[in-house]
Amino acid sequence: MGLAPTTERRVAELMSWALEMAEVATTCREARRMCAARAVHHLPIVEGGILVGIVCTCDLRGAPADEHLGRRMRTPVVTIRPDAPTWDALGTMKNADVGALPVLYHGFLIGIVTAGDLERAGLQSARGHCALCGARHHVRRTPRGSRCVACWEIESGGKA
């Protein structure tokens, strides 16, 4: 019996169950090390076991090494359920302009699904592309259009 077509699949089928997390007091230096060691770009932030934020490696660019993640994390966190259809994850990512969704089951963080997970499963890209260089990673909507972090830093004089 084969897998269901991507449009009928659920987030639980595509998400990463082995999850790297960090505490609010974790330093940016340690977070960068954690992300590099696990080859991940998104790091859910917890406090007392409860999801309170998320950082992407682009959020850590230029951050002082000893700064705590609590100052860099994005809140509120946009999440999704494991039983949600994959097309719902795609729409949520596009609408929220994020590249990853922590997966919660009855309020507990059990995994993460990324734009890359959805693309590998055959869904159209959840990511935009940089209007200046064409990059598809770390792209955000800005007042001047979609920009990757590198182009935004250059355009804004290093104040991304």
N, C-alpha and C. Protein backbone atom coordinates (compact mmCIF):
# COMPACT_ATOMS: atom_id res chain seq x y z
N MET A 1 0.84 -1.18 0.00
CA MET A 1 0.00 0.00 0.00
C MET A 1 0.89 1.24 0.00
N GLY A 2 0.73 2.12 -0.97
CA GLY A 2 1.56 3.32 -1.12
C GLY A 2 1.07 4.46 -0.25
N LEU A 3 1.85 5.54 -0.23
CA LEU A 3 1.47 6.71 0.52
C LEU A 3 0.34 7.45 -0.19
N ALA A 4 -0.47 8.12 0.59
CA ALA A 4 -1.55 8.92 0.02
C ALA A 4 -0.96 10.09 -0.75
N PRO A 5 -1.69 10.60 -1.75
CA PRO A 5 -1.19 11.79 -2.43
C PRO A 5 -0.90 12.89 -1.41
N THR A 6 0.07 13.74 -1.72
CA THR A 6 0.51 14.77 -0.79
C THR A 6 -0.65 15.61 -0.27
N THR A 7 -1.61 15.93 -1.11
CA THR A 7 -2.70 16.80 -0.68
C THR A 7 -3.58 16.14 0.37
N GLU A 8 -3.52 14.82 0.50
CA GLU A 8 -4.33 14.12 1.50
C GLU A 8 -3.51 13.71 2.71
N ARG A 9 -2.23 13.94 2.66
CA ARG A 9 -1.36 13.55 3.76
C ARG A 9 -1.50 14.52 4.93
N ARG A 10 -1.06 14.08 6.08
CA ARG A 10 -1.14 14.87 7.30
C ARG A 10 0.26 15.34 7.72
N VAL A 11 0.29 16.40 8.49
CA VAL A 11 1.54 16.97 8.97
C VAL A 11 2.39 15.91 9.68
N ALA A 12 1.78 15.05 10.46
CA ALA A 12 2.52 14.02 11.21
C ALA A 12 3.35 13.12 10.30
N GLU A 13 2.95 12.97 9.05
CA GLU A 13 3.69 12.12 8.11
C GLU A 13 4.97 12.78 7.61
N LEU A 14 5.04 14.10 7.68
CA LEU A 14 6.18 14.83 7.11
C LEU A 14 7.07 15.50 8.15
N MET A 15 6.55 15.72 9.34
CA MET A 15 7.28 16.50 10.34
C MET A 15 8.48 15.74 10.89
N SER A 16 9.40 16.48 11.46
CA SER A 16 10.54 15.90 12.17
C SER A 16 10.11 15.68 13.62
N TRP A 17 10.27 14.44 14.06
CA TRP A 17 9.89 14.10 15.44
C TRP A 17 11.06 14.35 16.39
N ALA A 18 12.27 14.11 15.94
CA ALA A 18 13.46 14.36 16.75
C ALA A 18 13.70 15.86 16.70
N LEU A 19 13.52 16.51 17.81
CA LEU A 19 13.44 17.97 17.81
C LEU A 19 14.52 18.58 18.69
N GLU A 20 15.23 19.53 18.13
CA GLU A 20 16.20 20.31 18.90
C GLU A 20 15.45 21.51 19.46
N MET A 21 15.56 21.75 20.76
CA MET A 21 14.90 22.88 21.41
C MET A 21 15.93 23.62 22.27
N ALA A 22 15.62 24.84 22.64
CA ALA A 22 16.49 25.61 23.52
C ALA A 22 15.64 26.34 24.55
N GLU A 23 16.25 26.66 25.65
CA GLU A 23 15.60 27.45 26.69
C GLU A 23 15.78 28.94 26.37
N VAL A 24 14.92 29.76 26.94
CA VAL A 24 14.96 31.21 26.74
C VAL A 24 16.33 31.78 27.10
N ALA A 25 16.97 31.26 28.12
CA ALA A 25 18.25 31.78 28.59
C ALA A 25 19.45 31.27 27.80
N THR A 26 19.22 30.40 26.81
CA THR A 26 20.32 29.91 25.97
C THR A 26 20.93 31.10 25.23
N THR A 27 22.25 31.12 25.12
CA THR A 27 22.91 32.23 24.41
C THR A 27 22.83 32.00 22.90
N CYS A 28 22.97 33.08 22.17
CA CYS A 28 22.98 32.99 20.71
C CYS A 28 24.14 32.14 20.22
N ARG A 29 25.28 32.23 20.89
CA ARG A 29 26.44 31.40 20.53
C ARG A 29 26.07 29.92 20.62
N GLU A 30 25.46 29.52 21.74
CA GLU A 30 25.08 28.13 21.94
C GLU A 30 24.00 27.72 20.92
N ALA A 31 23.06 28.60 20.63
CA ALA A 31 22.00 28.29 19.67
C ALA A 31 22.58 28.06 18.28
N ARG A 32 23.55 28.91 17.88
CA ARG A 32 24.20 28.71 16.58
C ARG A 32 24.91 27.37 16.53
N ARG A 33 25.58 27.01 17.63
CA ARG A 33 26.26 25.73 17.71
C ARG A 33 25.27 24.58 17.61
N MET A 34 24.15 24.68 18.30
CA MET A 34 23.12 23.63 18.28
C MET A 34 22.58 23.45 16.86
N CYS A 35 22.27 24.56 16.20
CA CYS A 35 21.72 24.49 14.84
C CYS A 35 22.73 23.88 13.87
N ALA A 36 23.98 24.28 13.99
CA ALA A 36 25.02 23.74 13.11
C ALA A 36 25.22 22.24 13.35
N ALA A 37 25.24 21.84 14.62
CA ALA A 37 25.47 20.43 14.95
C ALA A 37 24.36 19.53 14.42
N ARG A 38 23.12 20.01 14.40
CA ARG A 38 22.00 19.20 13.94
C ARG A 38 21.57 19.55 12.51
N ALA A 39 22.25 20.51 11.89
CA ALA A 39 21.91 20.95 10.53
C ALA A 39 20.45 21.36 10.43
N VAL A 40 20.02 22.20 11.39
CA VAL A 40 18.66 22.73 11.38
C VAL A 40 18.70 24.25 11.27
N HIS A 41 17.61 24.81 10.79
CA HIS A 41 17.53 26.27 10.64
C HIS A 41 16.55 26.90 11.62
N HIS A 42 15.71 26.10 12.25
CA HIS A 42 14.68 26.63 13.15
C HIS A 42 14.80 25.96 14.51
N LEU A 43 14.71 26.77 15.55
CA LEU A 43 14.89 26.29 16.90
C LEU A 43 13.74 26.77 17.78
N PRO A 44 12.84 25.86 18.16
CA PRO A 44 11.77 26.24 19.09
C PRO A 44 12.37 26.60 20.46
N ILE A 45 11.82 27.61 21.10
CA ILE A 45 12.29 28.08 22.39
C ILE A 45 11.24 27.72 23.44
N VAL A 46 11.69 27.08 24.51
CA VAL A 46 10.78 26.65 25.57
C VAL A 46 11.19 27.28 26.89
N GLU A 47 10.21 27.39 27.76
CA GLU A 47 10.45 27.86 29.12
C GLU A 47 9.61 26.96 30.02
N GLY A 48 10.30 26.20 30.86
CA GLY A 48 9.58 25.25 31.70
C GLY A 48 8.84 24.20 30.89
N GLY A 49 9.39 23.84 29.73
CA GLY A 49 8.77 22.84 28.88
C GLY A 49 7.65 23.35 27.99
N ILE A 50 7.32 24.63 28.09
CA ILE A 50 6.23 25.23 27.30
C ILE A 50 6.83 26.05 26.16
N LEU A 51 6.30 25.87 24.95
CA LEU A 51 6.75 26.63 23.78
C LEU A 51 6.43 28.10 23.97
N VAL A 52 7.45 28.96 23.90
CA VAL A 52 7.24 30.39 24.09
C VAL A 52 7.75 31.23 22.93
N GLY A 53 8.52 30.62 22.01
CA GLY A 53 9.06 31.38 20.89
C GLY A 53 9.75 30.46 19.91
N ILE A 54 10.29 31.06 18.86
CA ILE A 54 11.06 30.31 17.86
C ILE A 54 12.08 31.26 17.26
N VAL A 55 13.25 30.72 16.93
CA VAL A 55 14.25 31.49 16.19
C VAL A 55 14.65 30.71 14.96
N CYS A 56 15.01 31.45 13.94
CA CYS A 56 15.58 30.91 12.72
C CYS A 56 17.05 31.33 12.74
N THR A 57 17.88 30.59 12.05
CA THR A 57 19.30 30.97 12.04
C THR A 57 19.48 32.40 11.52
N CYS A 58 18.57 32.86 10.67
CA CYS A 58 18.70 34.24 10.18
C CYS A 58 18.43 35.25 11.29
N ASP A 59 17.63 34.87 12.30
CA ASP A 59 17.39 35.75 13.44
C ASP A 59 18.64 35.91 14.30
N LEU A 60 19.57 34.96 14.16
CA LEU A 60 20.79 34.97 14.98
C LEU A 60 21.95 35.70 14.30
N ARG A 61 21.77 36.04 13.03
CA ARG A 61 22.84 36.74 12.31
C ARG A 61 23.13 38.06 12.99
N GLY A 62 24.38 38.30 13.26
CA GLY A 62 24.80 39.56 13.85
C GLY A 62 24.45 39.70 15.32
N ALA A 63 23.87 38.68 15.93
CA ALA A 63 23.51 38.76 17.34
C ALA A 63 24.76 38.63 18.21
N PRO A 64 24.86 39.40 19.27
CA PRO A 64 25.99 39.24 20.19
C PRO A 64 26.01 37.81 20.73
N ALA A 65 27.18 37.22 20.83
CA ALA A 65 27.32 35.82 21.23
C ALA A 65 26.66 35.52 22.57
N ASP A 66 26.72 36.43 23.51
CA ASP A 66 26.19 36.17 24.85
C ASP A 66 24.75 36.64 25.04
N GLU A 67 24.13 37.16 23.99
CA GLU A 67 22.72 37.57 24.09
C GLU A 67 21.84 36.34 24.25
N HIS A 68 20.83 36.43 25.09
CA HIS A 68 19.90 35.31 25.30
C HIS A 68 18.86 35.26 24.20
N LEU A 69 18.43 34.04 23.89
CA LEU A 69 17.43 33.84 22.83
C LEU A 69 16.13 34.55 23.11
N GLY A 70 15.82 34.77 24.38
CA GLY A 70 14.60 35.48 24.74
C GLY A 70 14.50 36.85 24.09
N ARG A 71 15.65 37.45 23.76
CA ARG A 71 15.66 38.76 23.10
C ARG A 71 15.56 38.65 21.58
N ARG A 72 15.79 37.48 21.03
CA ARG A 72 15.80 37.28 19.58
C ARG A 72 14.60 36.48 19.07
N MET A 73 13.93 35.76 19.95
CA MET A 73 12.88 34.85 19.50
C MET A 73 11.67 35.61 18.97
N ARG A 74 10.98 34.94 18.08
CA ARG A 74 9.75 35.49 17.50
C ARG A 74 8.56 34.95 18.29
N THR A 75 7.67 35.86 18.64
CA THR A 75 6.43 35.50 19.33
C THR A 75 5.32 36.36 18.76
N PRO A 76 4.09 35.94 18.81
CA PRO A 76 3.65 34.60 19.19
C PRO A 76 4.06 33.59 18.13
N VAL A 77 4.14 32.34 18.54
CA VAL A 77 4.56 31.27 17.64
C VAL A 77 3.34 30.75 16.88
N VAL A 78 3.47 30.66 15.57
CA VAL A 78 2.43 30.06 14.74
C VAL A 78 2.67 28.56 14.75
N THR A 79 1.67 27.79 15.14
CA THR A 79 1.82 26.33 15.28
C THR A 79 0.77 25.61 14.44
N ILE A 80 0.88 24.29 14.44
CA ILE A 80 -0.07 23.46 13.71
C ILE A 80 -0.23 22.13 14.45
N ARG A 81 -1.32 21.45 14.20
CA ARG A 81 -1.59 20.13 14.80
C ARG A 81 -1.03 19.03 13.91
N PRO A 82 -0.70 17.88 14.49
CA PRO A 82 -0.16 16.79 13.67
C PRO A 82 -1.18 16.19 12.70
N ASP A 83 -2.48 16.34 13.02
CA ASP A 83 -3.51 15.77 12.15
C ASP A 83 -3.97 16.74 11.06
N ALA A 84 -3.38 17.93 11.01
CA ALA A 84 -3.75 18.91 9.98
C ALA A 84 -3.26 18.42 8.63
N PRO A 85 -4.02 18.70 7.57
CA PRO A 85 -3.56 18.33 6.23
C PRO A 85 -2.33 19.15 5.83
N THR A 86 -1.49 18.57 5.01
CA THR A 86 -0.26 19.25 4.61
C THR A 86 -0.55 20.55 3.86
N TRP A 87 -1.65 20.60 3.11
CA TRP A 87 -1.98 21.84 2.40
C TRP A 87 -2.30 22.96 3.38
N ASP A 88 -2.80 22.60 4.58
CA ASP A 88 -3.08 23.59 5.62
C ASP A 88 -1.76 24.16 6.15
N ALA A 89 -0.77 23.29 6.31
CA ALA A 89 0.55 23.75 6.75
C ALA A 89 1.14 24.72 5.73
N LEU A 90 1.01 24.38 4.45
CA LEU A 90 1.52 25.24 3.39
C LEU A 90 0.86 26.62 3.44
N GLY A 91 -0.45 26.65 3.54
CA GLY A 91 -1.18 27.93 3.60
C GLY A 91 -0.83 28.74 4.83
N THR A 92 -0.68 28.06 5.96
CA THR A 92 -0.33 28.74 7.20
C THR A 92 1.05 29.37 7.10
N MET A 93 2.00 28.63 6.53
CA MET A 93 3.35 29.18 6.37
C MET A 93 3.34 30.40 5.46
N LYS A 94 2.62 30.31 4.36
CA LYS A 94 2.57 31.44 3.43
C LYS A 94 1.92 32.66 4.08
N ASN A 95 0.79 32.45 4.75
CA ASN A 95 0.07 33.57 5.37
C ASN A 95 0.85 34.21 6.51
N ALA A 96 1.57 33.40 7.28
CA ALA A 96 2.31 33.91 8.43
C ALA A 96 3.73 34.34 8.06
N ASP A 97 4.16 34.07 6.82
CA ASP A 97 5.50 34.42 6.35
C ASP A 97 6.57 33.77 7.23
N VAL A 98 6.40 32.46 7.45
CA VAL A 98 7.36 31.68 8.24
C VAL A 98 7.81 30.47 7.44
N GLY A 99 8.95 29.90 7.82
CA GLY A 99 9.47 28.74 7.12
C GLY A 99 9.34 27.45 7.90
N ALA A 100 8.75 27.53 9.10
CA ALA A 100 8.58 26.33 9.92
C ALA A 100 7.43 26.52 10.89
N LEU A 101 6.77 25.41 11.20
CA LEU A 101 5.67 25.41 12.16
C LEU A 101 5.94 24.36 13.23
N PRO A 102 6.09 24.77 14.49
CA PRO A 102 6.14 23.76 15.55
C PRO A 102 4.81 23.01 15.57
N VAL A 103 4.88 21.72 15.85
CA VAL A 103 3.69 20.88 15.86
C VAL A 103 3.32 20.59 17.32
N LEU A 104 2.09 20.97 17.68
CA LEU A 104 1.62 20.76 19.05
C LEU A 104 0.52 19.71 19.07
N TYR A 105 0.58 18.84 20.07
CA TYR A 105 -0.46 17.84 20.30
C TYR A 105 -0.95 18.03 21.73
N HIS A 106 -2.18 18.47 21.87
CA HIS A 106 -2.76 18.79 23.18
C HIS A 106 -1.86 19.73 23.98
N GLY A 107 -1.30 20.72 23.29
CA GLY A 107 -0.46 21.72 23.92
C GLY A 107 1.00 21.34 24.09
N PHE A 108 1.37 20.11 23.78
CA PHE A 108 2.74 19.66 23.92
C PHE A 108 3.47 19.71 22.58
N LEU A 109 4.68 20.23 22.61
CA LEU A 109 5.52 20.31 21.42
C LEU A 109 6.04 18.91 21.09
N ILE A 110 5.64 18.40 19.91
CA ILE A 110 6.05 17.04 19.54
C ILE A 110 6.89 16.98 18.28
N GLY A 111 7.02 18.10 17.57
CA GLY A 111 7.80 18.07 16.34
C GLY A 111 7.79 19.41 15.65
N ILE A 112 8.31 19.42 14.43
CA ILE A 112 8.34 20.63 13.62
C ILE A 112 8.22 20.23 12.16
N VAL A 113 7.49 21.02 11.39
CA VAL A 113 7.39 20.80 9.95
C VAL A 113 7.90 22.08 9.28
N THR A 114 8.76 21.89 8.27
CA THR A 114 9.38 23.04 7.61
C THR A 114 8.92 23.15 6.16
N ALA A 115 9.19 24.30 5.57
CA ALA A 115 8.89 24.49 4.16
C ALA A 115 9.62 23.45 3.32
N GLY A 116 10.84 23.12 3.73
CA GLY A 116 11.61 22.09 3.02
C GLY A 116 10.94 20.73 3.08
N ASP A 117 10.35 20.39 4.24
CA ASP A 117 9.62 19.12 4.36
C ASP A 117 8.47 19.07 3.35
N LEU A 118 7.75 20.18 3.25
CA LEU A 118 6.60 20.24 2.32
C LEU A 118 7.07 20.17 0.87
N GLU A 119 8.16 20.86 0.55
CA GLU A 119 8.69 20.83 -0.82
C GLU A 119 9.16 19.43 -1.20
N ARG A 120 9.84 18.75 -0.28
CA ARG A 120 10.31 17.39 -0.56
C ARG A 120 9.14 16.43 -0.76
N ALA A 121 7.99 16.76 -0.18
CA ALA A 121 6.80 15.92 -0.32
C ALA A 121 6.02 16.26 -1.59
N GLY A 122 6.49 17.24 -2.34
CA GLY A 122 5.86 17.56 -3.61
C GLY A 122 4.89 18.72 -3.60
N LEU A 123 4.73 19.39 -2.46
CA LEU A 123 3.87 20.57 -2.44
C LEU A 123 4.61 21.74 -3.05
N GLN A 124 3.88 22.65 -3.64
CA GLN A 124 4.52 23.84 -4.19
C GLN A 124 5.24 24.55 -3.07
N SER A 125 6.15 25.36 -3.43
CA SER A 125 7.00 26.01 -2.44
C SER A 125 6.20 26.86 -1.47
N ALA A 126 6.51 26.71 -0.20
CA ALA A 126 5.93 27.57 0.83
C ALA A 126 6.77 28.83 0.96
N ARG A 127 7.95 28.82 0.35
CA ARG A 127 8.87 29.94 0.46
C ARG A 127 8.72 30.85 -0.75
N GLY A 128 8.90 32.10 -0.49
CA GLY A 128 8.99 33.04 -1.59
C GLY A 128 10.43 33.05 -2.08
N HIS A 129 10.73 33.98 -2.93
CA HIS A 129 12.11 34.14 -3.38
C HIS A 129 12.48 35.61 -3.29
N CYS A 130 13.75 35.86 -3.08
CA CYS A 130 14.24 37.22 -2.96
C CYS A 130 14.11 37.92 -4.31
N ALA A 131 13.50 39.07 -4.30
CA ALA A 131 13.30 39.82 -5.54
C ALA A 131 14.61 40.37 -6.10
N LEU A 132 15.66 40.42 -5.28
CA LEU A 132 16.94 40.95 -5.75
C LEU A 132 17.88 39.87 -6.26
N CYS A 133 18.03 38.78 -5.50
CA CYS A 133 19.02 37.77 -5.89
C CYS A 133 18.42 36.42 -6.24
N GLY A 134 17.13 36.22 -5.96
CA GLY A 134 16.48 34.96 -6.30
C GLY A 134 16.60 33.87 -5.24
N ALA A 135 17.28 34.16 -4.12
CA ALA A 135 17.44 33.16 -3.06
C ALA A 135 16.09 32.69 -2.56
N ARG A 136 16.04 31.43 -2.09
CA ARG A 136 14.79 30.86 -1.60
C ARG A 136 14.82 30.56 -0.10
N HIS A 137 15.95 30.82 0.55
CA HIS A 137 16.07 30.58 1.99
C HIS A 137 16.13 31.90 2.74
N HIS A 138 15.53 31.91 3.92
CA HIS A 138 15.55 33.08 4.80
C HIS A 138 14.97 34.31 4.12
N VAL A 139 13.87 34.12 3.41
CA VAL A 139 13.20 35.21 2.70
C VAL A 139 12.05 35.73 3.56
N ARG A 140 11.97 37.03 3.68
CA ARG A 140 10.90 37.69 4.44
C ARG A 140 10.26 38.76 3.57
N ARG A 141 8.99 39.03 3.84
CA ARG A 141 8.33 40.16 3.18
C ARG A 141 8.81 41.43 3.86
N THR A 142 9.18 42.41 3.08
CA THR A 142 9.63 43.70 3.60
C THR A 142 8.82 44.80 2.92
N PRO A 143 8.91 46.02 3.40
CA PRO A 143 8.18 47.11 2.74
C PRO A 143 8.56 47.28 1.27
N ARG A 144 9.76 46.83 0.89
CA ARG A 144 10.22 46.96 -0.49
C ARG A 144 10.04 45.69 -1.30
N GLY A 145 9.35 44.69 -0.75
CA GLY A 145 9.15 43.42 -1.44
C GLY A 145 9.89 42.30 -0.72
N SER A 146 9.87 41.12 -1.28
CA SER A 146 10.52 39.96 -0.66
C SER A 146 12.03 40.10 -0.75
N ARG A 147 12.70 39.88 0.40
CA ARG A 147 14.15 39.98 0.46
C ARG A 147 14.70 38.85 1.32
N CYS A 148 15.83 38.27 0.88
CA CYS A 148 16.54 37.34 1.74
C CYS A 148 17.27 38.19 2.79
N VAL A 149 17.71 37.56 3.85
CA VAL A 149 18.36 38.30 4.93
C VAL A 149 19.59 39.03 4.43
N ALA A 150 20.40 38.39 3.59
CA ALA A 150 21.62 39.02 3.11
C ALA A 150 21.32 40.30 2.32
N CYS A 151 20.35 40.24 1.40
CA CYS A 151 20.00 41.43 0.61
C CYS A 151 19.37 42.52 1.49
N TRP A 152 18.56 42.11 2.45
CA TRP A 152 17.92 43.07 3.34
C TRP A 152 18.98 43.80 4.18
N GLU A 153 20.01 43.07 4.64
CA GLU A 153 21.07 43.70 5.41
C GLU A 153 21.83 44.71 4.56
N ILE A 154 22.11 44.35 3.32
CA ILE A 154 22.82 45.26 2.43
C ILE A 154 21.96 46.49 2.14
N GLU A 155 20.70 46.24 1.83
CA GLU A 155 19.79 47.34 1.47
C GLU A 155 19.52 48.28 2.65
N SER A 156 19.48 47.72 3.85
CA SER A 156 19.14 48.55 5.02
C SER A 156 20.38 49.01 5.78
N GLY A 157 21.56 48.78 5.22
CA GLY A 157 22.79 49.21 5.86
C GLY A 157 23.16 48.39 7.07
N GLY A 158 22.81 47.08 7.06
CA GLY A 158 23.19 46.19 8.14
C GLY A 158 22.23 46.18 9.31
N LYS A 159 21.04 46.69 9.13
CA LYS A 159 20.05 46.74 10.23
C LYS A 159 18.88 45.82 9.94
N ALA A 160 19.15 44.54 9.64
CA ALA A 160 18.08 43.59 9.34
C ALA A 160 17.34 43.18 10.58
